[in-house]
Amino acid sequence: MVPPRMAGELLRDHPADGVVRLTISNPDKRGALDHPLLNAIAGAVTELSAPEAGVRALILTGAGGRFSSGYDLSGLEGLPREEFVARAETLIAHPFTAAIEALEATDVPTIAALPGPTMGGGLELALACDLRVAADHVELAMPPAKLGLVYPHTGLRRFLDVIGAARTRELFLLGQPIDPVTALAWGLVNGVSEAEDLQDEVLQLAVDLAGNAPLSVRGNKQVIRRLLAAEGRVDDALEAELVALREASFRSDDLLEGVTAFVEKRAPVWRGR
């Protein structure tokens, strides 16, 4: 029997006029993104995006010296194959998609403050924000190649838009972490801050955003979003092919082995099937 999971918590505070800060708190699981956390992010961003909420800037950050380690994979190891496949697909789909889409759809400017490790789905969550600032010691990584997972084409599209094809290949095919200086050179983050100054510097950015003309900020966000969506559009046949490729990875021996090895903290033994 799989033990029940401890749910993460999304904290909320108002550090300045017109600014709301959302903090991912899941200390027992390195800031992992479980369903309650993801649902809370999607709900909070949607709620705070309404004009009547009076929010002019949103900060998304993490507690406990980290941003997020990505998907919460605990509890998947040791499951029978069919249950593993079903649970893995559920875990890495909705509500993660809902949280990402809420961040991308909001007309409120958003900043991700990265105080510590930012991995996998956590990095994509940060990428859905308009700006990202990392503490100077942070590691950033996309580890699907270390798990045997084919990443969704919508997620890869976001990285292609921000850092281009060459850097996206390096990030996803190698699966190695990069440091903040490299991330800044790539354009993966917009700034690097000393750890003790991170939250103050991000708050000042949020105050600056909140002080700009709201019609201009919201309008420019809409134009950028629609232009990127138009460039990244794929036809139905290609989308079906890409989705099928990803779904096949959920049924592979390699994903089962990759997740098990990750939880057991050992090197995986790949079978290529």
C-alpha atoms as a PDB file:
ATOM      1  CA  MET A   1       0.000   0.000   0.000  1.00  0.00           C
ATOM      2  CA  VAL A   2       1.347   3.437  -0.949  1.00  0.00           C
ATOM      3  CA  PRO A   3       1.613   5.749   2.084  1.00  0.00           C
ATOM      4  CA  PRO A   4      -0.418   8.965   1.914  1.00  0.00           C
ATOM      5  CA  ARG A   5       1.434  12.011   0.685  1.00  0.00           C
ATOM      6  CA  MET A   6       1.953  15.169   2.699  1.00  0.00           C
ATOM      7  CA  ALA A   7       0.483  18.050   0.725  1.00  0.00           C
ATOM      8  CA  GLY A   8       2.537  21.103  -0.067  1.00  0.00           C
ATOM      9  CA  GLU A   9       1.258  24.557   0.786  1.00  0.00           C
ATOM     10  CA  LEU A  10       1.115  27.811  -1.152  1.00  0.00           C
ATOM     11  CA  LEU A  11       1.757  30.799   1.105  1.00  0.00           C
ATOM     12  CA  ARG A  12       0.540  34.271   0.205  1.00  0.00           C
ATOM     13  CA  ASP A  13       1.592  37.712   1.404  1.00  0.00           C
ATOM     14  CA  HIS A  14       1.403  41.348   0.222  1.00  0.00           C
ATOM     15  CA  PRO A  15       4.914  42.828   0.595  1.00  0.00           C
ATOM     16  CA  ALA A  16       4.064  46.120  -1.173  1.00  0.00           C
ATOM     17  CA  ASP A  17       1.106  48.040  -2.524  1.00  0.00           C
ATOM     18  CA  GLY A  18      -0.289  46.200  -5.542  1.00  0.00           C
ATOM     19  CA  VAL A  19       2.219  43.336  -5.161  1.00  0.00           C
ATOM     20  CA  VAL A  20       1.344  39.764  -4.109  1.00  0.00           C
ATOM     21  CA  ARG A  21       3.954  37.101  -3.369  1.00  0.00           C
ATOM     22  CA  LEU A  22       3.134  33.396  -3.693  1.00  0.00           C
ATOM     23  CA  THR A  23       5.566  31.049  -1.945  1.00  0.00           C
ATOM     24  CA  ILE A  24       5.857  27.325  -2.691  1.00  0.00           C
ATOM     25  CA  SER A  25       6.293  25.519   0.626  1.00  0.00           C
ATOM     26  CA  ASN A  26       6.871  21.771   0.646  1.00  0.00           C
ATOM     27  CA  PRO A  27       9.936  21.415   2.899  1.00  0.00           C
ATOM     28  CA  ASP A  28       9.706  17.657   3.400  1.00  0.00           C
ATOM     29  CA  LYS A  29       9.945  17.113  -0.380  1.00  0.00           C
ATOM     30  CA  ARG A  30      12.403  19.802  -1.512  1.00  0.00           C
ATOM     31  CA  GLY A  31       9.645  22.046  -2.798  1.00  0.00           C
ATOM     32  CA  ALA A  32       8.201  19.300  -5.011  1.00  0.00           C
ATOM     33  CA  LEU A  33       5.065  20.139  -6.956  1.00  0.00           C
ATOM     34  CA  ASP A  34       2.207  17.963  -5.787  1.00  0.00           C
ATOM     35  CA  HIS A  35      -1.403  18.307  -6.883  1.00  0.00           C
ATOM     36  CA  PRO A  36      -2.601  20.491  -3.977  1.00  0.00           C
ATOM     37  CA  LEU A  37       0.244  22.932  -4.633  1.00  0.00           C
ATOM     38  CA  LEU A  38      -0.367  23.054  -8.372  1.00  0.00           C
ATOM     39  CA  ASN A  39      -4.102  23.512  -7.912  1.00  0.00           C
ATOM     40  CA  ALA A  40      -3.393  26.308  -5.435  1.00  0.00           C
ATOM     41  CA  ILE A  41      -1.046  28.073  -7.881  1.00  0.00           C
ATOM     42  CA  ALA A  42      -3.561  27.855 -10.738  1.00  0.00           C
ATOM     43  CA  GLY A  43      -6.383  29.079  -8.511  1.00  0.00           C
ATOM     44  CA  ALA A  44      -4.427  31.909  -6.891  1.00  0.00           C
ATOM     45  CA  VAL A  45      -3.029  33.270 -10.161  1.00  0.00           C
ATOM     46  CA  THR A  46      -6.464  33.194 -11.797  1.00  0.00           C
ATOM     47  CA  GLU A  47      -8.055  34.906  -8.806  1.00  0.00           C
ATOM     48  CA  LEU A  48      -5.366  37.596  -8.552  1.00  0.00           C
ATOM     49  CA  SER A  49      -5.480  38.284 -12.298  1.00  0.00           C
ATOM     50  CA  ALA A  50      -8.982  39.757 -12.147  1.00  0.00           C
ATOM     51  CA  PRO A  51      -8.804  43.568 -12.540  1.00  0.00           C
ATOM     52  CA  GLU A  52     -10.910  44.035  -9.415  1.00  0.00           C
ATOM     53  CA  ALA A  53      -8.219  42.259  -7.358  1.00  0.00           C
ATOM     54  CA  GLY A  54      -6.034  45.345  -7.757  1.00  0.00           C
ATOM     55  CA  VAL A  55      -2.832  43.324  -8.234  1.00  0.00           C
ATOM     56  CA  ARG A  56      -0.198  45.021 -10.403  1.00  0.00           C
ATOM     57  CA  ALA A  57       2.638  42.505  -9.999  1.00  0.00           C
ATOM     58  CA  LEU A  58       2.980  38.877  -8.871  1.00  0.00           C
ATOM     59  CA  ILE A  59       6.057  37.220  -7.360  1.00  0.00           C
ATOM     60  CA  LEU A  60       6.403  33.426  -7.331  1.00  0.00           C
ATOM     61  CA  THR A  61       9.115  32.026  -5.079  1.00  0.00           C
ATOM     62  CA  GLY A  62       9.968  29.083  -2.854  1.00  0.00           C
ATOM     63  CA  ALA A  63      10.491  28.537   0.869  1.00  0.00           C
ATOM     64  CA  GLY A  64      13.339  26.818   2.648  1.00  0.00           C
ATOM     65  CA  GLY A  65      16.153  28.013   0.405  1.00  0.00           C
ATOM     66  CA  ARG A  66      14.863  26.398  -2.797  1.00  0.00           C
ATOM     67  CA  PHE A  67      12.363  27.118  -5.555  1.00  0.00           C
ATOM     68  CA  SER A  68      11.146  23.655  -6.577  1.00  0.00           C
ATOM     69  CA  SER A  69      12.611  20.249  -7.344  1.00  0.00           C
ATOM     70  CA  GLY A  70       9.845  19.625  -9.899  1.00  0.00           C
ATOM     71  CA  TYR A  71       7.252  16.867  -9.924  1.00  0.00           C
ATOM     72  CA  ASP A  72       6.662  14.937  -6.704  1.00  0.00           C
ATOM     73  CA  LEU A  73       7.725  11.438  -7.756  1.00  0.00           C
ATOM     74  CA  SER A  74       7.475   9.875  -4.312  1.00  0.00           C
ATOM     75  CA  GLY A  75       5.052   6.966  -4.070  1.00  0.00           C
ATOM     76  CA  LEU A  76       5.535   5.815  -7.667  1.00  0.00           C
ATOM     77  CA  GLU A  77       8.298   3.340  -6.939  1.00  0.00           C
ATOM     78  CA  GLY A  78       7.256  -0.282  -6.471  1.00  0.00           C
ATOM     79  CA  LEU A  79       3.835   0.104  -8.119  1.00  0.00           C
ATOM     80  CA  PRO A  80       2.576  -2.522 -10.592  1.00  0.00           C
ATOM     81  CA  ARG A  81       3.255  -1.477 -14.195  1.00  0.00           C
ATOM     82  CA  GLU A  82      -0.293  -0.409 -15.149  1.00  0.00           C
ATOM     83  CA  GLU A  83      -0.796   1.543 -11.939  1.00  0.00           C
ATOM     84  CA  PHE A  84       2.617   3.178 -12.371  1.00  0.00           C
ATOM     85  CA  VAL A  85       1.714   4.295 -15.901  1.00  0.00           C
ATOM     86  CA  ALA A  86      -1.658   5.701 -14.818  1.00  0.00           C
ATOM     87  CA  ARG A  87      -0.222   7.516 -11.794  1.00  0.00           C
ATOM     88  CA  ALA A  88       2.741   8.914 -13.734  1.00  0.00           C
ATOM     89  CA  GLU A  89       0.518  10.270 -16.515  1.00  0.00           C
ATOM     90  CA  THR A  90      -1.845  11.847 -13.982  1.00  0.00           C
ATOM     91  CA  LEU A  91       1.024  13.353 -11.998  1.00  0.00           C
ATOM     92  CA  ILE A  92       2.786  14.983 -14.923  1.00  0.00           C
ATOM     93  CA  ALA A  93      -0.280  16.307 -16.709  1.00  0.00           C
ATOM     94  CA  HIS A  94      -3.152  18.252 -15.168  1.00  0.00           C
ATOM     95  CA  PRO A  95      -2.993  20.176 -12.837  1.00  0.00           C
ATOM     96  CA  PHE A  96       0.584  21.067 -13.842  1.00  0.00           C
ATOM     97  CA  THR A  97      -0.769  22.238 -17.190  1.00  0.00           C
ATOM     98  CA  ALA A  98      -3.381  24.362 -15.428  1.00  0.00           C
ATOM     99  CA  ALA A  99      -0.746  26.110 -13.273  1.00  0.00           C
ATOM    100  CA  ILE A 100       1.458  26.851 -16.292  1.00  0.00           C
ATOM    101  CA  GLU A 101      -1.466  28.084 -18.367  1.00  0.00           C
ATOM    102  CA  ALA A 102      -2.678  30.347 -15.556  1.00  0.00           C
ATOM    103  CA  LEU A 103       0.753  31.999 -15.346  1.00  0.00           C
ATOM    104  CA  GLU A 104       0.960  32.405 -19.107  1.00  0.00           C
ATOM    105  CA  ALA A 105      -2.602  33.699 -19.445  1.00  0.00           C
ATOM    106  CA  THR A 106      -2.443  36.354 -16.734  1.00  0.00           C
ATOM    107  CA  ASP A 107      -2.090  39.961 -17.838  1.00  0.00           C
ATOM    108  CA  VAL A 108      -0.456  40.784 -14.489  1.00  0.00           C
ATOM    109  CA  PRO A 109       3.369  40.875 -14.816  1.00  0.00           C
ATOM    110  CA  THR A 110       5.033  37.983 -12.990  1.00  0.00           C
ATOM    111  CA  ILE A 111       8.506  37.439 -11.538  1.00  0.00           C
ATOM    112  CA  ALA A 112      10.003  34.142 -10.382  1.00  0.00           C
ATOM    113  CA  ALA A 113      12.478  34.573  -7.511  1.00  0.00           C
ATOM    114  CA  LEU A 114      14.711  31.487  -7.406  1.00  0.00           C
ATOM    115  CA  PRO A 115      16.378  31.187  -3.972  1.00  0.00           C
ATOM    116  CA  GLY A 116      17.709  27.655  -4.494  1.00  0.00           C
ATOM    117  CA  PRO A 117      17.575  24.538  -6.696  1.00  0.00           C
ATOM    118  CA  THR A 118      15.122  24.881  -9.594  1.00  0.00           C
ATOM    119  CA  MET A 119      14.623  21.602 -11.411  1.00  0.00           C
ATOM    120  CA  GLY A 120      12.359  19.975 -14.000  1.00  0.00           C
ATOM    121  CA  GLY A 121       8.774  21.113 -13.744  1.00  0.00           C
ATOM    122  CA  GLY A 122       9.926  23.760 -11.263  1.00  0.00           C
ATOM    123  CA  LEU A 123      12.092  25.345 -13.954  1.00  0.00           C
ATOM    124  CA  GLU A 124       9.256  25.269 -16.485  1.00  0.00           C
ATOM    125  CA  LEU A 125       6.998  26.885 -13.889  1.00  0.00           C
ATOM    126  CA  ALA A 126       9.573  29.670 -13.495  1.00  0.00           C
ATOM    127  CA  LEU A 127       9.846  29.960 -17.279  1.00  0.00           C
ATOM    128  CA  ALA A 128       6.120  30.654 -17.471  1.00  0.00           C
ATOM    129  CA  CYS A 129       6.772  33.874 -15.533  1.00  0.00           C
ATOM    130  CA  ASP A 130       7.730  37.070 -17.352  1.00  0.00           C
ATOM    131  CA  LEU A 131      10.999  37.589 -15.471  1.00  0.00           C
ATOM    132  CA  ARG A 132      13.300  35.326 -13.450  1.00  0.00           C
ATOM    133  CA  VAL A 133      15.964  36.274 -10.921  1.00  0.00           C
ATOM    134  CA  ALA A 134      18.194  33.602  -9.387  1.00  0.00           C
ATOM    135  CA  ALA A 135      20.329  33.594  -6.267  1.00  0.00           C
ATOM    136  CA  ASP A 136      24.028  33.343  -7.118  1.00  0.00           C
ATOM    137  CA  HIS A 137      24.423  29.740  -5.917  1.00  0.00           C
ATOM    138  CA  VAL A 138      21.366  28.193  -7.602  1.00  0.00           C
ATOM    139  CA  GLU A 139      21.484  25.100  -9.805  1.00  0.00           C
ATOM    140  CA  LEU A 140      18.982  24.886 -12.659  1.00  0.00           C
ATOM    141  CA  ALA A 141      18.314  21.677 -14.572  1.00  0.00           C
ATOM    142  CA  MET A 142      15.907  19.784 -16.810  1.00  0.00           C
ATOM    143  CA  PRO A 143      16.415  16.076 -15.960  1.00  0.00           C
ATOM    144  CA  PRO A 144      13.899  14.148 -18.150  1.00  0.00           C
ATOM    145  CA  ALA A 145      16.816  12.345 -19.863  1.00  0.00           C
ATOM    146  CA  LYS A 146      17.880  11.118 -16.421  1.00  0.00           C
ATOM    147  CA  LEU A 147      14.392   9.704 -15.824  1.00  0.00           C
ATOM    148  CA  GLY A 148      13.513   8.250 -19.233  1.00  0.00           C
ATOM    149  CA  LEU A 149      10.781  10.815 -19.897  1.00  0.00           C
ATOM    150  CA  VAL A 150       9.886  12.465 -23.205  1.00  0.00           C
ATOM    151  CA  TYR A 151       8.993  16.036 -22.280  1.00  0.00           C
ATOM    152  CA  PRO A 152       5.765  17.560 -23.679  1.00  0.00           C
ATOM    153  CA  HIS A 153       6.180  19.562 -26.863  1.00  0.00           C
ATOM    154  CA  THR A 154       4.407  22.527 -25.270  1.00  0.00           C
ATOM    155  CA  GLY A 155       7.050  22.645 -22.532  1.00  0.00           C
ATOM    156  CA  LEU A 156       9.935  22.287 -24.977  1.00  0.00           C
ATOM    157  CA  ARG A 157       8.410  25.087 -27.040  1.00  0.00           C
ATOM    158  CA  ARG A 158       8.708  27.426 -24.049  1.00  0.00           C
ATOM    159  CA  PHE A 159      12.423  26.714 -23.741  1.00  0.00           C
ATOM    160  CA  LEU A 160      12.934  27.128 -27.497  1.00  0.00           C
ATOM    161  CA  ASP A 161      11.220  30.534 -27.311  1.00  0.00           C
ATOM    162  CA  VAL A 162      13.465  31.711 -24.465  1.00  0.00           C
ATOM    163  CA  ILE A 163      16.900  30.162 -25.034  1.00  0.00           C
ATOM    164  CA  GLY A 164      16.828  28.828 -28.624  1.00  0.00           C
ATOM    165  CA  ALA A 165      17.372  25.393 -30.096  1.00  0.00           C
ATOM    166  CA  ALA A 166      21.072  24.900 -29.290  1.00  0.00           C
ATOM    167  CA  ARG A 167      20.706  25.660 -25.583  1.00  0.00           C
ATOM    168  CA  THR A 168      17.462  23.683 -25.332  1.00  0.00           C
ATOM    169  CA  ARG A 169      19.251  20.652 -26.755  1.00  0.00           C
ATOM    170  CA  GLU A 170      22.081  21.076 -24.275  1.00  0.00           C
ATOM    171  CA  LEU A 171      19.708  21.475 -21.330  1.00  0.00           C
ATOM    172  CA  PHE A 172      17.436  18.533 -22.199  1.00  0.00           C
ATOM    173  CA  LEU A 173      19.764  16.035 -23.869  1.00  0.00           C
ATOM    174  CA  LEU A 174      22.588  16.286 -21.332  1.00  0.00           C
ATOM    175  CA  GLY A 175      20.330  16.801 -18.323  1.00  0.00           C
ATOM    176  CA  GLN A 176      23.188  18.461 -16.440  1.00  0.00           C
ATOM    177  CA  PRO A 177      22.591  21.370 -14.048  1.00  0.00           C
ATOM    178  CA  ILE A 178      23.816  24.810 -15.009  1.00  0.00           C
ATOM    179  CA  ASP A 179      24.851  27.676 -12.742  1.00  0.00           C
ATOM    180  CA  PRO A 180      23.211  31.123 -12.605  1.00  0.00           C
ATOM    181  CA  VAL A 181      25.977  32.845 -14.585  1.00  0.00           C
ATOM    182  CA  THR A 182      25.455  30.383 -17.452  1.00  0.00           C
ATOM    183  CA  ALA A 183      21.669  30.743 -17.133  1.00  0.00           C
ATOM    184  CA  LEU A 184      22.043  34.526 -17.376  1.00  0.00           C
ATOM    185  CA  ALA A 185      24.225  34.256 -20.483  1.00  0.00           C
ATOM    186  CA  TRP A 186      21.629  31.972 -22.087  1.00  0.00           C
ATOM    187  CA  GLY A 187      18.731  34.274 -21.207  1.00  0.00           C
ATOM    188  CA  LEU A 188      17.177  31.598 -19.009  1.00  0.00           C
ATOM    189  CA  VAL A 189      17.184  34.098 -16.133  1.00  0.00           C
ATOM    190  CA  ASN A 190      17.065  37.899 -16.326  1.00  0.00           C
ATOM    191  CA  GLY A 191      19.264  38.582 -13.334  1.00  0.00           C
ATOM    192  CA  VAL A 192      21.467  37.053 -10.662  1.00  0.00           C
ATOM    193  CA  SER A 193      21.491  38.290  -7.085  1.00  0.00           C
ATOM    194  CA  GLU A 194      23.438  37.549  -3.939  1.00  0.00           C
ATOM    195  CA  ALA A 195      21.310  35.132  -1.938  1.00  0.00           C
ATOM    196  CA  GLU A 196      20.691  37.483   0.974  1.00  0.00           C
ATOM    197  CA  ASP A 197      19.546  40.266  -1.367  1.00  0.00           C
ATOM    198  CA  LEU A 198      17.343  38.191  -3.687  1.00  0.00           C
ATOM    199  CA  GLN A 199      13.923  38.863  -2.186  1.00  0.00           C
ATOM    200  CA  ASP A 200      14.587  42.592  -1.727  1.00  0.00           C
ATOM    201  CA  GLU A 201      15.805  42.976  -5.317  1.00  0.00           C
ATOM    202  CA  VAL A 202      12.858  41.037  -6.714  1.00  0.00           C
ATOM    203  CA  LEU A 203      10.455  43.070  -4.603  1.00  0.00           C
ATOM    204  CA  GLN A 204      11.938  46.272  -6.032  1.00  0.00           C
ATOM    205  CA  LEU A 205      11.408  44.894  -9.547  1.00  0.00           C
ATOM    206  CA  ALA A 206       7.801  44.101  -8.647  1.00  0.00           C
ATOM    207  CA  VAL A 207       7.299  47.619  -7.275  1.00  0.00           C
ATOM    208  CA  ASP A 208       8.738  49.037 -10.510  1.00  0.00           C
ATOM    209  CA  LEU A 209       6.363  46.876 -12.558  1.00  0.00           C
ATOM    210  CA  ALA A 210       3.419  47.856 -10.388  1.00  0.00           C
ATOM    211  CA  GLY A 211       4.278  51.526 -10.938  1.00  0.00           C
ATOM    212  CA  ASN A 212       4.026  51.303 -14.731  1.00  0.00           C
ATOM    213  CA  ALA A 213       0.919  52.108 -16.776  1.00  0.00           C
ATOM    214  CA  PRO A 214      -1.375  49.090 -16.291  1.00  0.00           C
ATOM    215  CA  LEU A 215      -3.025  49.327 -19.728  1.00  0.00           C
ATOM    216  CA  SER A 216       0.395  49.343 -21.372  1.00  0.00           C
ATOM    217  CA  VAL A 217       1.748  46.431 -19.302  1.00  0.00           C
ATOM    218  CA  ARG A 218      -1.338  44.289 -19.805  1.00  0.00           C
ATOM    219  CA  GLY A 219      -1.589  45.175 -23.488  1.00  0.00           C
ATOM    220  CA  ASN A 220       2.059  44.429 -24.219  1.00  0.00           C
ATOM    221  CA  LYS A 221       1.776  41.099 -22.419  1.00  0.00           C
ATOM    222  CA  GLN A 222      -1.205  40.171 -24.590  1.00  0.00           C
ATOM    223  CA  VAL A 223       0.643  41.059 -27.807  1.00  0.00           C
ATOM    224  CA  ILE A 224       3.759  39.073 -26.830  1.00  0.00           C
ATOM    225  CA  ARG A 225       1.674  36.077 -25.773  1.00  0.00           C
ATOM    226  CA  ARG A 226      -0.324  36.006 -29.003  1.00  0.00           C
ATOM    227  CA  LEU A 227       2.727  36.406 -31.230  1.00  0.00           C
ATOM    228  CA  LEU A 228       4.521  33.533 -29.483  1.00  0.00           C
ATOM    229  CA  ALA A 229       1.406  31.358 -29.698  1.00  0.00           C
ATOM    230  CA  ALA A 230       1.125  32.024 -33.429  1.00  0.00           C
ATOM    231  CA  GLU A 231       4.787  31.131 -34.035  1.00  0.00           C
ATOM    232  CA  GLY A 232       4.517  27.941 -31.997  1.00  0.00           C
ATOM    233  CA  ARG A 233       1.288  26.639 -33.522  1.00  0.00           C
ATOM    234  CA  VAL A 234       1.351  23.055 -34.828  1.00  0.00           C
ATOM    235  CA  ASP A 235      -1.267  21.288 -36.917  1.00  0.00           C
ATOM    236  CA  ASP A 236      -3.448  18.528 -35.516  1.00  0.00           C
ATOM    237  CA  ALA A 237      -1.562  15.676 -37.165  1.00  0.00           C
ATOM    238  CA  LEU A 238       1.823  16.793 -35.852  1.00  0.00           C
ATOM    239  CA  GLU A 239       0.438  17.427 -32.373  1.00  0.00           C
ATOM    240  CA  ALA A 240      -1.051  13.923 -32.275  1.00  0.00           C
ATOM    241  CA  GLU A 241       2.317  12.463 -33.300  1.00  0.00           C
ATOM    242  CA  LEU A 242       4.173  14.415 -30.594  1.00  0.00           C
ATOM    243  CA  VAL A 243       1.650  13.475 -27.914  1.00  0.00           C
ATOM    244  CA  ALA A 244       1.887   9.794 -28.896  1.00  0.00           C
ATOM    245  CA  LEU A 245       5.679   9.930 -28.598  1.00  0.00           C
ATOM    246  CA  ARG A 246       5.394  11.320 -25.086  1.00  0.00           C
ATOM    247  CA  GLU A 247       2.693   8.852 -24.044  1.00  0.00           C
ATOM    248  CA  ALA A 248       4.855   5.952 -25.229  1.00  0.00           C
ATOM    249  CA  SER A 249       7.557   7.038 -22.774  1.00  0.00           C
ATOM    250  CA  PHE A 250       5.110   6.577 -19.893  1.00  0.00           C
ATOM    251  CA  ARG A 251       4.784   2.898 -20.804  1.00  0.00           C
ATOM    252  CA  SER A 252       8.519   2.323 -21.246  1.00  0.00           C
ATOM    253  CA  ASP A 253      10.753   0.176 -19.065  1.00  0.00           C
ATOM    254  CA  ASP A 254      13.169   3.087 -18.947  1.00  0.00           C
ATOM    255  CA  LEU A 255      10.760   5.504 -17.238  1.00  0.00           C
ATOM    256  CA  LEU A 256       9.891   2.885 -14.624  1.00  0.00           C
ATOM    257  CA  GLU A 257      13.606   2.279 -14.044  1.00  0.00           C
ATOM    258  CA  GLY A 258      14.454   5.996 -14.077  1.00  0.00           C
ATOM    259  CA  VAL A 259      11.870   6.920 -11.452  1.00  0.00           C
ATOM    260  CA  THR A 260      12.771   3.923  -9.271  1.00  0.00           C
ATOM    261  CA  ALA A 261      16.489   4.739  -9.473  1.00  0.00           C
ATOM    262  CA  PHE A 262      15.803   8.404  -8.676  1.00  0.00           C
ATOM    263  CA  VAL A 263      13.835   7.544  -5.542  1.00  0.00           C
ATOM    264  CA  GLU A 264      16.392   4.919  -4.491  1.00  0.00           C
ATOM    265  CA  LYS A 265      19.255   7.398  -5.174  1.00  0.00           C
ATOM    266  CA  ARG A 266      21.198   5.039  -7.464  1.00  0.00           C
ATOM    267  CA  ALA A 267      22.349   5.043 -11.071  1.00  0.00           C
ATOM    268  CA  PRO A 268      19.667   3.750 -13.470  1.00  0.00           C
ATOM    269  CA  VAL A 269      20.224   0.714 -15.689  1.00  0.00           C
ATOM    270  CA  TRP A 270      18.711   1.656 -19.055  1.00  0.00           C
ATOM    271  CA  ARG A 271      17.208  -0.916 -21.426  1.00  0.00           C
ATOM    272  CA  GLY A 272      16.301   1.374 -24.312  1.00  0.00           C
ATOM    273  CA  ARG A 273      12.718   0.196 -24.415  1.00  0.00           C
END
